[in-house]
Amino acid sequence: MALTIPQALKRIDKLMNQVQRGFVDEGAKLARSKTPVDTGKLKSSWTTNPSNFGTKSSIDNNVGYGGFVENGTSKNRPAKMAAQAVQSMRSGANSIVRKATR
């Protein structure tokens, strides 16, 4: 049975939402895995704000010293956990899409 245009568009919309959610989930997982641990507060404070495809989703960390860990200081090397997560997502984009569309 052939799909109508509205049915096809609804399926495409659902698929794109799954892909976007896959990127948000994978990004948060990667950021957590790259976050150094002293007390564990920074690592456990990653949050996600997923939304529908075409609108902004975010991965956030509201711990005040997170920027110092990410970018480093004169005494500490940068951890670059968010930057590494983004790079990993770029190189693994095909895998993320396949996983989200199963």
Protein backbone atom coordinates (compact mmCIF):
# COMPACT_ATOMS: atom_id res chain seq x y z
CA MET A 1 0.00 0.00 0.00
CA ALA A 2 1.37 3.38 -1.01
CA LEU A 3 1.64 6.21 1.47
CA THR A 4 -0.15 9.46 1.00
CA ILE A 5 1.97 12.60 1.00
CA PRO A 6 0.84 13.59 4.53
CA GLN A 7 1.66 10.08 5.81
CA ALA A 8 5.09 10.16 4.17
CA LEU A 9 5.83 13.61 5.61
CA LYS A 10 4.79 12.43 9.06
CA ARG A 11 7.18 9.46 8.81
CA ILE A 12 10.01 11.69 7.62
CA ASP A 13 9.36 14.12 10.48
CA LYS A 14 9.44 11.27 13.00
CA LEU A 15 12.67 9.95 11.50
CA MET A 16 14.38 13.36 11.61
CA ASN A 17 13.30 13.81 15.25
CA GLN A 18 14.88 10.43 16.06
CA VAL A 19 18.11 11.46 14.33
CA GLN A 20 18.25 14.79 16.18
CA ARG A 21 17.60 13.03 19.50
CA GLY A 22 20.35 10.54 18.62
CA PHE A 23 22.84 13.37 18.16
CA VAL A 24 21.83 14.97 21.49
CA ASP A 25 22.05 11.67 23.38
CA GLU A 26 25.37 10.70 21.80
CA GLY A 27 26.83 14.17 22.38
CA ALA A 28 25.94 14.11 26.06
CA LYS A 29 27.33 10.60 26.43
CA LEU A 30 30.59 11.64 24.78
CA ALA A 31 30.90 14.84 26.83
CA ARG A 32 30.39 12.86 30.05
CA SER A 33 32.96 10.27 29.01
CA LYS A 34 35.56 12.98 28.23
CA THR A 35 34.98 14.95 31.45
CA PRO A 36 37.78 14.59 34.01
CA VAL A 37 36.71 13.62 37.51
CA ASP A 38 37.80 15.12 40.80
CA THR A 39 34.58 15.25 42.81
CA GLY A 40 32.30 14.03 40.00
CA LYS A 41 30.13 17.16 40.08
CA LEU A 42 31.12 18.41 36.62
CA LYS A 43 30.69 14.99 35.01
CA SER A 44 27.27 14.41 36.56
CA SER A 45 25.98 17.88 35.66
CA TRP A 46 25.64 17.40 31.90
CA THR A 47 22.03 17.92 30.85
CA THR A 48 20.21 17.69 27.55
CA ASN A 49 17.41 19.75 26.10
CA PRO A 50 16.27 17.82 23.04
CA SER A 51 13.65 19.28 20.76
CA ASN A 52 12.04 18.51 17.44
CA PHE A 53 14.00 18.60 14.21
CA GLY A 54 14.54 22.09 12.87
CA THR A 55 14.67 23.70 16.30
CA LYS A 56 17.57 24.10 18.69
CA SER A 57 18.55 21.27 20.97
CA SER A 58 21.30 21.67 23.52
CA ILE A 59 23.74 19.86 25.75
CA ASP A 60 24.60 21.99 28.75
CA ASN A 61 26.62 22.00 31.92
CA ASN A 62 25.85 24.70 34.45
CA VAL A 63 28.76 24.08 36.82
CA GLY A 64 30.52 27.42 37.20
CA TYR A 65 34.05 26.13 36.77
CA GLY A 66 33.26 24.03 33.67
CA GLY A 67 34.70 26.64 31.31
CA PHE A 68 38.01 26.58 33.18
CA VAL A 69 38.19 22.80 32.85
CA GLU A 70 37.20 22.93 29.16
CA ASN A 71 39.58 25.76 28.21
CA GLY A 72 42.29 25.39 30.84
CA THR A 73 43.99 27.97 33.03
CA SER A 74 47.56 29.13 33.49
CA LYS A 75 48.01 26.16 35.86
CA ASN A 76 45.89 23.47 34.21
CA ARG A 77 45.80 22.09 30.68
CA PRO A 78 42.48 22.31 28.86
CA ALA A 79 40.37 19.14 29.01
CA LYS A 80 38.41 20.09 25.86
CA MET A 81 35.65 17.59 26.72
CA ALA A 82 32.95 19.45 24.76
CA ALA A 83 35.26 20.09 21.81
CA GLN A 84 36.27 16.41 21.73
CA ALA A 85 32.61 15.34 21.90
CA VAL A 86 31.78 17.55 18.91
CA GLN A 87 34.72 16.18 16.93
CA SER A 88 33.73 12.60 17.73
CA MET A 89 30.16 13.31 16.65
CA ARG A 90 31.37 14.77 13.35
CA SER A 91 33.49 11.74 12.57
CA GLY A 92 30.78 9.33 13.74
CA ALA A 93 27.77 11.05 12.15
CA ASN A 94 26.90 8.13 9.87
CA SER A 95 26.91 5.74 12.81
CA ILE A 96 24.70 8.07 14.86
CA VAL A 97 22.17 8.33 12.02
CA ARG A 98 22.11 4.56 11.46
CA LYS A 99 21.61 3.92 15.18
CA ALA A 100 18.79 6.47 15.44
CA THR A 101 16.94 5.10 12.41
CA ARG A 102 16.87 1.40 13.32
